[in-house]
Amino acid sequence: MTLARAVDVSRHYGDKVALDRVSFDVEAGELVGLLGPNGAGKSTLVNLLTGIRRPTSGRVELLGGDPRLAASRRLLGVTPQETGVPASLRVGEVVDFVSAHYDNPLPRGEVLERFGLTDLVRRQTGGLSGGEKRRVAVALAFVGRPRIVFLDEPTTGLDVQARRLLWDGIRSFHADGGTVVLTSHYLEEIEALARRVVVIGGGRVLADDTVEAVRGLVAVRRVSLTVREPLPELAGVTETERDGDRVHLLTADADRLVRDLVTYGIAFVDLEVRPTSLEEAFLALTRQPAPA
């Protein structure tokens, strides 16, 4: 069963194109990672599917209806990138307040334990650290026993231990049949949680595949060097860009590329090898033109 759907969706903010004809489905029981650099369009897609924004064109559905209708959001849980709760309320009081909006919420103790908040139950939220506040915000998305949860950059500000505790809470929800969509620009986080990865860059879907397939694709490296002479055709190079004497090459095997340059006797200086951005890697490997 499809719980969330975007069909040929575009979203413009003035002259800026945040999403460009994106189609995206989430089936019941999936744990989907939206991966991409900052500004790629991940949060915009989440905002459309949860009814916070409306598309400029195209169609979005949530649980079979319009995401902007309260009936469609009844079984939805969301943690946006930025959240806020009254600073004077204690953590337990915040959980109770949110629980009061649902007919059959999770028990307070279960919510607190699942996300490692039991020791904070009597703490005022205004005195929490940024990471602790983030854990509270994520926990609140699960209070109403949702069928689908959207988590937008859920581990921002968390240390390693807190991040892994949150991962365990998400896994527990998914193991019980829940559906999760989470955004991140960290491949490690998506690898740890997701079964399916959708890569977004420049407002477009660049890849939709398994974690294993995506891991192989983003292994591309950007090799930059200064060279005056034309370069021969080099094995493994997926894209070449020249800016004067500066040449940028995308390859999955940077070591072999450098060896080949030496073997061909090419005189170069200022060699630099670094990971590509996600957008660079996927634009090169899928042969899609960069968004205008």
C-alpha atoms as a PDB file:
ATOM      1  CA  MET A   1       0.000   0.000   0.000  1.00  0.00           C
ATOM      2  CA  THR A   2       1.309   3.446  -0.912  1.00  0.00           C
ATOM      3  CA  LEU A   3       1.329   5.762   2.111  1.00  0.00           C
ATOM      4  CA  ALA A   4       2.902   8.833   0.502  1.00  0.00           C
ATOM      5  CA  ARG A   5       3.228   9.889  -3.108  1.00  0.00           C
ATOM      6  CA  ALA A   6       4.555  12.773  -5.183  1.00  0.00           C
ATOM      7  CA  VAL A   7       3.662  12.776  -8.873  1.00  0.00           C
ATOM      8  CA  ASP A   8       5.627  15.051 -11.226  1.00  0.00           C
ATOM      9  CA  VAL A   9       5.933  17.632  -8.457  1.00  0.00           C
ATOM     10  CA  SER A  10       7.654  20.993  -8.821  1.00  0.00           C
ATOM     11  CA  ARG A  11       8.011  23.708  -6.205  1.00  0.00           C
ATOM     12  CA  HIS A  12       9.236  27.232  -6.921  1.00  0.00           C
ATOM     13  CA  TYR A  13      10.149  29.987  -4.478  1.00  0.00           C
ATOM     14  CA  GLY A  14      10.100  33.039  -6.699  1.00  0.00           C
ATOM     15  CA  ASP A  15      12.747  32.410  -9.362  1.00  0.00           C
ATOM     16  CA  LYS A  16      14.328  29.545  -7.398  1.00  0.00           C
ATOM     17  CA  VAL A  17      13.379  25.988  -8.397  1.00  0.00           C
ATOM     18  CA  ALA A  18      13.474  23.864  -5.249  1.00  0.00           C
ATOM     19  CA  LEU A  19      11.974  20.740  -6.861  1.00  0.00           C
ATOM     20  CA  ASP A  20      11.798  19.988 -10.557  1.00  0.00           C
ATOM     21  CA  ARG A  21       9.244  17.364 -11.693  1.00  0.00           C
ATOM     22  CA  VAL A  22       9.937  14.894  -8.889  1.00  0.00           C
ATOM     23  CA  SER A  23       8.025  11.622  -8.573  1.00  0.00           C
ATOM     24  CA  PHE A  24       8.396   9.613  -5.375  1.00  0.00           C
ATOM     25  CA  ASP A  25       6.385   6.834  -3.669  1.00  0.00           C
ATOM     26  CA  VAL A  26       6.659   5.392  -0.166  1.00  0.00           C
ATOM     27  CA  GLU A  27       5.137   1.965   0.445  1.00  0.00           C
ATOM     28  CA  ALA A  28       3.902   0.700   3.805  1.00  0.00           C
ATOM     29  CA  GLY A  29       6.705  -0.803   5.897  1.00  0.00           C
ATOM     30  CA  GLU A  30       9.557   0.929   4.062  1.00  0.00           C
ATOM     31  CA  LEU A  31      12.446   2.753   5.719  1.00  0.00           C
ATOM     32  CA  VAL A  32      13.519   5.240   3.059  1.00  0.00           C
ATOM     33  CA  GLY A  33      16.498   7.567   3.239  1.00  0.00           C
ATOM     34  CA  LEU A  34      16.477  10.844   1.314  1.00  0.00           C
ATOM     35  CA  LEU A  35      20.131  11.586   0.730  1.00  0.00           C
ATOM     36  CA  GLY A  36      21.686  14.687  -0.760  1.00  0.00           C
ATOM     37  CA  PRO A  37      23.704  17.835  -0.105  1.00  0.00           C
ATOM     38  CA  ASN A  38      22.283  20.815   1.746  1.00  0.00           C
ATOM     39  CA  GLY A  39      19.865  22.742  -0.448  1.00  0.00           C
ATOM     40  CA  ALA A  40      19.157  19.724  -2.661  1.00  0.00           C
ATOM     41  CA  GLY A  41      15.387  19.810  -2.116  1.00  0.00           C
ATOM     42  CA  LYS A  42      14.993  17.112   0.556  1.00  0.00           C
ATOM     43  CA  SER A  43      13.220  19.308   3.102  1.00  0.00           C
ATOM     44  CA  THR A  44      10.997  20.822   0.435  1.00  0.00           C
ATOM     45  CA  LEU A  45       9.815  17.349  -0.582  1.00  0.00           C
ATOM     46  CA  VAL A  46       9.080  16.459   3.055  1.00  0.00           C
ATOM     47  CA  ASN A  47       7.188  19.725   3.533  1.00  0.00           C
ATOM     48  CA  LEU A  48       5.004  18.974   0.511  1.00  0.00           C
ATOM     49  CA  LEU A  49       4.241  15.401   1.578  1.00  0.00           C
ATOM     50  CA  THR A  50       3.330  16.484   5.121  1.00  0.00           C
ATOM     51  CA  GLY A  51       1.106  19.369   4.053  1.00  0.00           C
ATOM     52  CA  ILE A  52       3.308  22.214   5.255  1.00  0.00           C
ATOM     53  CA  ARG A  53       3.686  23.539   1.695  1.00  0.00           C
ATOM     54  CA  ARG A  54       1.735  23.032  -1.491  1.00  0.00           C
ATOM     55  CA  PRO A  55       3.354  22.196  -4.823  1.00  0.00           C
ATOM     56  CA  THR A  56       3.621  24.734  -7.616  1.00  0.00           C
ATOM     57  CA  SER A  57       2.624  21.925  -9.970  1.00  0.00           C
ATOM     58  CA  GLY A  58       2.047  18.201  -9.751  1.00  0.00           C
ATOM     59  CA  ARG A  59       0.222  16.179  -7.099  1.00  0.00           C
ATOM     60  CA  VAL A  60       1.033  14.940  -3.588  1.00  0.00           C
ATOM     61  CA  GLU A  61      -0.838  12.399  -1.477  1.00  0.00           C
ATOM     62  CA  LEU A  62      -0.552  11.292   2.135  1.00  0.00           C
ATOM     63  CA  LEU A  63      -2.377   8.192   3.367  1.00  0.00           C
ATOM     64  CA  GLY A  64      -4.611   8.372   0.325  1.00  0.00           C
ATOM     65  CA  GLY A  65      -5.660  12.000   0.716  1.00  0.00           C
ATOM     66  CA  ASP A  66      -4.590  15.626   0.568  1.00  0.00           C
ATOM     67  CA  PRO A  67      -1.711  16.189   3.053  1.00  0.00           C
ATOM     68  CA  ARG A  68      -3.163  19.573   4.004  1.00  0.00           C
ATOM     69  CA  LEU A  69      -6.314  17.976   5.439  1.00  0.00           C
ATOM     70  CA  ALA A  70      -6.298  17.061   9.127  1.00  0.00           C
ATOM     71  CA  ALA A  71      -7.871  13.678   8.358  1.00  0.00           C
ATOM     72  CA  SER A  72      -4.886  12.753   6.185  1.00  0.00           C
ATOM     73  CA  ARG A  73      -2.402  13.729   8.914  1.00  0.00           C
ATOM     74  CA  ARG A  74      -4.093  11.813  11.744  1.00  0.00           C
ATOM     75  CA  LEU A  75      -1.620   8.929  11.510  1.00  0.00           C
ATOM     76  CA  LEU A  76       1.409  11.058  10.589  1.00  0.00           C
ATOM     77  CA  GLY A  77       4.457  11.792  12.741  1.00  0.00           C
ATOM     78  CA  VAL A  78       6.924  14.565  11.824  1.00  0.00           C
ATOM     79  CA  THR A  79      10.148  16.018  13.153  1.00  0.00           C
ATOM     80  CA  PRO A  80      11.060  19.075  11.058  1.00  0.00           C
ATOM     81  CA  GLN A  81      14.567  20.525  10.928  1.00  0.00           C
ATOM     82  CA  GLU A  82      13.671  23.229  13.434  1.00  0.00           C
ATOM     83  CA  THR A  83      11.359  22.687  16.396  1.00  0.00           C
ATOM     84  CA  GLY A  84      10.489  24.545  19.581  1.00  0.00           C
ATOM     85  CA  VAL A  85       8.607  23.786  22.785  1.00  0.00           C
ATOM     86  CA  PRO A  86       7.804  26.056  25.765  1.00  0.00           C
ATOM     87  CA  ALA A  87      11.001  26.441  27.769  1.00  0.00           C
ATOM     88  CA  SER A  88       9.204  26.267  31.125  1.00  0.00           C
ATOM     89  CA  LEU A  89       7.620  22.858  30.509  1.00  0.00           C
ATOM     90  CA  ARG A  90       9.288  19.713  31.728  1.00  0.00           C
ATOM     91  CA  VAL A  91      10.053  16.921  29.275  1.00  0.00           C
ATOM     92  CA  GLY A  92       7.346  14.691  30.749  1.00  0.00           C
ATOM     93  CA  GLU A  93       4.824  17.527  30.510  1.00  0.00           C
ATOM     94  CA  VAL A  94       5.651  18.063  26.839  1.00  0.00           C
ATOM     95  CA  VAL A  95       5.084  14.377  26.109  1.00  0.00           C
ATOM     96  CA  ASP A  96       1.774  14.475  28.031  1.00  0.00           C
ATOM     97  CA  PHE A  97       0.652  17.593  26.162  1.00  0.00           C
ATOM     98  CA  VAL A  98       1.285  16.011  22.758  1.00  0.00           C
ATOM     99  CA  SER A  99      -0.270  12.709  23.883  1.00  0.00           C
ATOM    100  CA  ALA A 100      -3.504  14.519  24.770  1.00  0.00           C
ATOM    101  CA  HIS A 101      -4.085  15.196  21.068  1.00  0.00           C
ATOM    102  CA  TYR A 102      -4.408  11.473  20.265  1.00  0.00           C
ATOM    103  CA  ASP A 103      -7.038   8.850  21.060  1.00  0.00           C
ATOM    104  CA  ASN A 104      -4.537   6.067  21.719  1.00  0.00           C
ATOM    105  CA  PRO A 105      -1.053   7.474  22.333  1.00  0.00           C
ATOM    106  CA  LEU A 106       1.970   5.495  23.391  1.00  0.00           C
ATOM    107  CA  PRO A 107       2.419   5.417  27.173  1.00  0.00           C
ATOM    108  CA  ARG A 108       4.716   8.174  28.405  1.00  0.00           C
ATOM    109  CA  GLY A 109       7.219   5.701  29.856  1.00  0.00           C
ATOM    110  CA  GLU A 110       7.541   3.829  26.568  1.00  0.00           C
ATOM    111  CA  VAL A 111       8.224   7.031  24.631  1.00  0.00           C
ATOM    112  CA  LEU A 112      10.840   8.177  27.121  1.00  0.00           C
ATOM    113  CA  GLU A 113      12.590   4.816  27.279  1.00  0.00           C
ATOM    114  CA  ARG A 114      12.649   4.272  23.514  1.00  0.00           C
ATOM    115  CA  PHE A 115      14.542   7.524  22.951  1.00  0.00           C
ATOM    116  CA  GLY A 116      16.671   7.603  26.102  1.00  0.00           C
ATOM    117  CA  LEU A 117      14.762  10.420  27.797  1.00  0.00           C
ATOM    118  CA  THR A 118      13.798   8.746  31.084  1.00  0.00           C
ATOM    119  CA  ASP A 119      16.458  10.607  33.067  1.00  0.00           C
ATOM    120  CA  LEU A 120      15.263  13.924  31.611  1.00  0.00           C
ATOM    121  CA  VAL A 121      11.581  13.541  32.452  1.00  0.00           C
ATOM    122  CA  ARG A 122      11.609  16.288  35.112  1.00  0.00           C
ATOM    123  CA  ARG A 123      13.999  18.617  33.329  1.00  0.00           C
ATOM    124  CA  GLN A 124      12.636  21.850  31.878  1.00  0.00           C
ATOM    125  CA  THR A 125      13.142  21.918  28.135  1.00  0.00           C
ATOM    126  CA  GLY A 126      14.703  25.393  28.345  1.00  0.00           C
ATOM    127  CA  GLY A 127      17.624  23.885  30.265  1.00  0.00           C
ATOM    128  CA  LEU A 128      18.316  21.069  27.819  1.00  0.00           C
ATOM    129  CA  SER A 129      21.282  20.977  25.481  1.00  0.00           C
ATOM    130  CA  GLY A 130      20.712  21.268  21.758  1.00  0.00           C
ATOM    131  CA  GLY A 131      21.153  17.524  21.323  1.00  0.00           C
ATOM    132  CA  GLU A 132      18.740  16.724  24.159  1.00  0.00           C
ATOM    133  CA  LYS A 133      16.115  19.028  22.658  1.00  0.00           C
ATOM    134  CA  ARG A 134      16.559  17.258  19.341  1.00  0.00           C
ATOM    135  CA  ARG A 135      15.946  13.872  20.962  1.00  0.00           C
ATOM    136  CA  VAL A 136      12.741  15.180  22.523  1.00  0.00           C
ATOM    137  CA  ALA A 137      11.595  16.537  19.148  1.00  0.00           C
ATOM    138  CA  VAL A 138      12.182  13.171  17.463  1.00  0.00           C
ATOM    139  CA  ALA A 139      10.432  11.263  20.256  1.00  0.00           C
ATOM    140  CA  LEU A 140       7.320  13.431  19.913  1.00  0.00           C
ATOM    141  CA  ALA A 141       6.889  12.276  16.310  1.00  0.00           C
ATOM    142  CA  PHE A 142       6.120   8.753  17.588  1.00  0.00           C
ATOM    143  CA  VAL A 143       3.723   9.602  20.429  1.00  0.00           C
ATOM    144  CA  GLY A 144       0.509   9.179  18.427  1.00  0.00           C
ATOM    145  CA  ARG A 145       1.282   5.673  17.085  1.00  0.00           C
ATOM    146  CA  PRO A 146       1.711   6.971  13.515  1.00  0.00           C
ATOM    147  CA  ARG A 147       1.679   4.777  10.446  1.00  0.00           C
ATOM    148  CA  ILE A 148       4.315   6.924   8.731  1.00  0.00           C
ATOM    149  CA  VAL A 149       6.975   9.204  10.191  1.00  0.00           C
ATOM    150  CA  PHE A 150       9.019  11.877   8.417  1.00  0.00           C
ATOM    151  CA  LEU A 151      12.282  12.840  10.127  1.00  0.00           C
ATOM    152  CA  ASP A 152      14.116  15.806   8.613  1.00  0.00           C
ATOM    153  CA  GLU A 153      17.820  15.718   9.591  1.00  0.00           C
ATOM    154  CA  PRO A 154      16.909  13.945  12.870  1.00  0.00           C
ATOM    155  CA  THR A 155      20.409  13.678  14.360  1.00  0.00           C
ATOM    156  CA  THR A 156      21.491  17.301  13.960  1.00  0.00           C
ATOM    157  CA  GLY A 157      23.435  18.331  17.071  1.00  0.00           C
ATOM    158  CA  LEU A 158      23.670  14.831  18.536  1.00  0.00           C
ATOM    159  CA  ASP A 159      26.843  13.159  19.760  1.00  0.00           C
ATOM    160  CA  VAL A 160      27.701   9.627  18.664  1.00  0.00           C
ATOM    161  CA  GLN A 161      26.041   7.898  21.617  1.00  0.00           C
ATOM    162  CA  ALA A 162      22.823   9.908  21.346  1.00  0.00           C
ATOM    163  CA  ARG A 163      22.730   9.380  17.580  1.00  0.00           C
ATOM    164  CA  ARG A 164      22.944   5.603  17.950  1.00  0.00           C
ATOM    165  CA  LEU A 165      20.272   5.623  20.658  1.00  0.00           C
ATOM    166  CA  LEU A 166      17.969   7.500  18.314  1.00  0.00           C
ATOM    167  CA  TRP A 167      18.772   5.045  15.517  1.00  0.00           C
ATOM    168  CA  ASP A 168      17.678   2.200  17.823  1.00  0.00           C
ATOM    169  CA  GLY A 169      14.349   3.941  18.464  1.00  0.00           C
ATOM    170  CA  ILE A 170      13.726   4.349  14.749  1.00  0.00           C
ATOM    171  CA  ARG A 171      14.656   0.731  14.078  1.00  0.00           C
ATOM    172  CA  SER A 172      12.262  -0.431  16.801  1.00  0.00           C
ATOM    173  CA  PHE A 173       9.373   1.493  15.246  1.00  0.00           C
ATOM    174  CA  HIS A 174      10.192   0.086  11.810  1.00  0.00           C
ATOM    175  CA  ALA A 175      10.504  -3.476  13.142  1.00  0.00           C
ATOM    176  CA  ASP A 176       6.945  -3.147  14.482  1.00  0.00           C
ATOM    177  CA  GLY A 177       5.686  -2.363  10.976  1.00  0.00           C
ATOM    178  CA  GLY A 178       6.072   1.410  10.950  1.00  0.00           C
ATOM    179  CA  THR A 179       7.062   3.365   7.850  1.00  0.00           C
ATOM    180  CA  VAL A 180       9.874   5.927   8.023  1.00  0.00           C
ATOM    181  CA  VAL A 181      11.227   8.571   5.658  1.00  0.00           C
ATOM    182  CA  LEU A 182      14.307  10.387   6.897  1.00  0.00           C
ATOM    183  CA  THR A 183      16.531  12.986   5.304  1.00  0.00           C
ATOM    184  CA  SER A 184      20.259  13.329   5.771  1.00  0.00           C
ATOM    185  CA  HIS A 185      23.367  14.504   3.978  1.00  0.00           C
ATOM    186  CA  TYR A 186      25.361  11.839   5.848  1.00  0.00           C
ATOM    187  CA  LEU A 187      25.764   8.590   3.906  1.00  0.00           C
ATOM    188  CA  GLU A 188      26.737   6.833   7.160  1.00  0.00           C
ATOM    189  CA  GLU A 189      23.358   7.620   8.704  1.00  0.00           C
ATOM    190  CA  ILE A 190      21.409   6.423   5.699  1.00  0.00           C
ATOM    191  CA  GLU A 191      23.527   3.261   5.554  1.00  0.00           C
ATOM    192  CA  ALA A 192      22.805   2.553   9.222  1.00  0.00           C
ATOM    193  CA  LEU A 193      19.029   2.769   8.866  1.00  0.00           C
ATOM    194  CA  ALA A 194      17.612   2.688   5.356  1.00  0.00           C
ATOM    195  CA  ARG A 195      16.893  -0.183   3.005  1.00  0.00           C
ATOM    196  CA  ARG A 196      16.135   2.116   0.077  1.00  0.00           C
ATOM    197  CA  VAL A 197      17.954   5.344  -0.749  1.00  0.00           C
ATOM    198  CA  VAL A 198      16.660   8.182  -2.889  1.00  0.00           C
ATOM    199  CA  VAL A 199      19.347  10.695  -3.813  1.00  0.00           C
ATOM    200  CA  ILE A 200      18.216  14.255  -4.530  1.00  0.00           C
ATOM    201  CA  GLY A 201      20.386  16.965  -6.036  1.00  0.00           C
ATOM    202  CA  GLY A 202      19.457  20.273  -7.596  1.00  0.00           C
ATOM    203  CA  GLY A 203      15.780  19.590  -7.015  1.00  0.00           C
ATOM    204  CA  ARG A 204      15.793  16.328  -8.978  1.00  0.00           C
ATOM    205  CA  VAL A 205      15.888  12.629  -8.142  1.00  0.00           C
ATOM    206  CA  LEU A 206      19.343  11.488  -9.217  1.00  0.00           C
ATOM    207  CA  ALA A 207      19.113   7.889  -8.019  1.00  0.00           C
ATOM    208  CA  ASP A 208      16.627   5.559  -6.324  1.00  0.00           C
ATOM    209  CA  ASP A 209      18.242   2.285  -5.345  1.00  0.00           C
ATOM    210  CA  THR A 210      19.531   0.060  -2.573  1.00  0.00           C
ATOM    211  CA  VAL A 211      22.097   1.186  -0.025  1.00  0.00           C
ATOM    212  CA  GLU A 212      24.691  -1.065  -1.642  1.00  0.00           C
ATOM    213  CA  ALA A 213      24.185   0.460  -5.070  1.00  0.00           C
ATOM    214  CA  VAL A 214      24.367   4.003  -3.739  1.00  0.00           C
ATOM    215  CA  ARG A 215      27.500   3.246  -1.713  1.00  0.00           C
ATOM    216  CA  GLY A 216      29.257   2.215  -4.909  1.00  0.00           C
ATOM    217  CA  LEU A 217      28.129   5.261  -6.823  1.00  0.00           C
ATOM    218  CA  VAL A 218      29.282   7.847  -4.310  1.00  0.00           C
ATOM    219  CA  ALA A 219      32.799   6.382  -4.236  1.00  0.00           C
ATOM    220  CA  VAL A 220      33.637   8.726  -7.114  1.00  0.00           C
ATOM    221  CA  ARG A 221      36.618  11.036  -6.539  1.00  0.00           C
ATOM    222  CA  ARG A 222      37.414  14.425  -8.039  1.00  0.00           C
ATOM    223  CA  VAL A 223      41.025  14.655  -9.254  1.00  0.00           C
ATOM    224  CA  SER A 224      42.197  18.190 -10.029  1.00  0.00           C
ATOM    225  CA  LEU A 225      45.542  19.156 -11.552  1.00  0.00           C
ATOM    226  CA  THR A 226      47.192  21.946 -13.484  1.00  0.00           C
ATOM    227  CA  VAL A 227      48.416  20.858 -16.917  1.00  0.00           C
ATOM    228  CA  ARG A 228      49.080  22.760 -20.135  1.00  0.00           C
ATOM    229  CA  GLU A 229      48.963  19.952 -22.702  1.00  0.00           C
ATOM    230  CA  PRO A 230      45.800  18.178 -23.856  1.00  0.00           C
ATOM    231  CA  LEU A 231      45.064  14.991 -21.940  1.00  0.00           C
ATOM    232  CA  PRO A 232      44.709  11.624 -23.693  1.00  0.00           C
ATOM    233  CA  GLU A 233      41.657   9.463 -23.112  1.00  0.00           C
ATOM    234  CA  LEU A 234      42.074   8.036 -19.617  1.00  0.00           C
ATOM    235  CA  ALA A 235      40.447   4.819 -18.403  1.00  0.00           C
ATOM    236  CA  GLY A 236      37.823   5.169 -15.684  1.00  0.00           C
ATOM    237  CA  VAL A 237      37.226   8.912 -16.126  1.00  0.00           C
ATOM    238  CA  THR A 238      33.488   9.621 -16.194  1.00  0.00           C
ATOM    239  CA  GLU A 239      33.639  13.368 -16.674  1.00  0.00           C
ATOM    240  CA  THR A 240      36.253  16.005 -17.538  1.00  0.00           C
ATOM    241  CA  GLU A 241      36.042  19.738 -16.923  1.00  0.00           C
ATOM    242  CA  ARG A 242      38.742  22.235 -17.951  1.00  0.00           C
ATOM    243  CA  ASP A 243      39.116  25.777 -16.652  1.00  0.00           C
ATOM    244  CA  GLY A 244      42.176  27.240 -18.369  1.00  0.00           C
ATOM    245  CA  ASP A 245      45.122  25.115 -17.308  1.00  0.00           C
ATOM    246  CA  ARG A 246      43.159  23.589 -14.423  1.00  0.00           C
ATOM    247  CA  VAL A 247      41.524  20.231 -15.193  1.00  0.00           C
ATOM    248  CA  HIS A 248      38.996  18.399 -13.025  1.00  0.00           C
ATOM    249  CA  LEU A 249      38.424  14.672 -13.588  1.00  0.00           C
ATOM    250  CA  LEU A 250      35.792  12.418 -11.979  1.00  0.00           C
ATOM    251  CA  THR A 251      36.774   8.796 -11.444  1.00  0.00           C
ATOM    252  CA  ALA A 252      36.013   5.829  -9.207  1.00  0.00           C
ATOM    253  CA  ASP A 253      39.717   4.863  -9.062  1.00  0.00           C
ATOM    254  CA  ALA A 254      41.864   7.900  -8.293  1.00  0.00           C
ATOM    255  CA  ASP A 255      45.010   5.818  -7.687  1.00  0.00           C
ATOM    256  CA  ARG A 256      44.844   4.263 -11.141  1.00  0.00           C
ATOM    257  CA  LEU A 257      44.206   7.643 -12.731  1.00  0.00           C
ATOM    258  CA  VAL A 258      47.301   9.175 -11.135  1.00  0.00           C
ATOM    259  CA  ARG A 259      49.406   6.163 -12.198  1.00  0.00           C
ATOM    260  CA  ASP A 260      48.153   6.519 -15.765  1.00  0.00           C
ATOM    261  CA  LEU A 261      49.048  10.212 -15.795  1.00  0.00           C
ATOM    262  CA  VAL A 262      52.601   9.330 -14.760  1.00  0.00           C
ATOM    263  CA  THR A 263      52.793   6.441 -17.248  1.00  0.00           C
ATOM    264  CA  TYR A 264      51.787   8.756 -20.089  1.00  0.00           C
ATOM    265  CA  GLY A 265      54.546  11.161 -19.038  1.00  0.00           C
ATOM    266  CA  ILE A 266      52.115  14.061 -18.576  1.00  0.00           C
ATOM    267  CA  ALA A 267      53.684  17.054 -16.846  1.00  0.00           C
ATOM    268  CA  PHE A 268      51.286  18.263 -14.158  1.00  0.00           C
ATOM    269  CA  VAL A 269      51.442  20.175 -10.868  1.00  0.00           C
ATOM    270  CA  ASP A 270      49.111  21.045  -7.970  1.00  0.00           C
ATOM    271  CA  LEU A 271      47.490  17.614  -7.844  1.00  0.00           C
ATOM    272  CA  GLU A 272      44.453  17.431  -5.549  1.00  0.00           C
ATOM    273  CA  VAL A 273      42.248  14.390  -4.876  1.00  0.00           C
ATOM    274  CA  ARG A 274      39.053  14.759  -2.877  1.00  0.00           C
ATOM    275  CA  PRO A 275      35.606  13.157  -2.627  1.00  0.00           C
ATOM    276  CA  THR A 276      33.044  14.615  -4.969  1.00  0.00           C
ATOM    277  CA  SER A 277      29.866  16.140  -3.672  1.00  0.00           C
ATOM    278  CA  LEU A 278      26.891  13.809  -3.955  1.00  0.00           C
ATOM    279  CA  GLU A 279      25.467  15.966  -6.703  1.00  0.00           C
ATOM    280  CA  GLU A 280      28.708  15.890  -8.705  1.00  0.00           C
ATOM    281  CA  ALA A 281      28.941  12.120  -8.408  1.00  0.00           C
ATOM    282  CA  PHE A 282      25.400  11.396  -9.456  1.00  0.00           C
ATOM    283  CA  LEU A 283      25.237  13.966 -12.212  1.00  0.00           C
ATOM    284  CA  ALA A 284      28.362  12.418 -13.689  1.00  0.00           C
ATOM    285  CA  LEU A 285      27.306   8.793 -13.331  1.00  0.00           C
ATOM    286  CA  THR A 286      23.741   9.242 -14.537  1.00  0.00           C
ATOM    287  CA  ARG A 287      24.748  11.630 -17.336  1.00  0.00           C
ATOM    288  CA  GLN A 288      22.140  14.154 -16.295  1.00  0.00           C
ATOM    289  CA  PRO A 289      22.771  17.809 -17.130  1.00  0.00           C
ATOM    290  CA  ALA A 290      23.196  20.144 -14.195  1.00  0.00           C
ATOM    291  CA  PRO A 291      20.002  22.019 -13.299  1.00  0.00           C
ATOM    292  CA  ALA A 292      19.911  25.474 -14.849  1.00  0.00           C
END
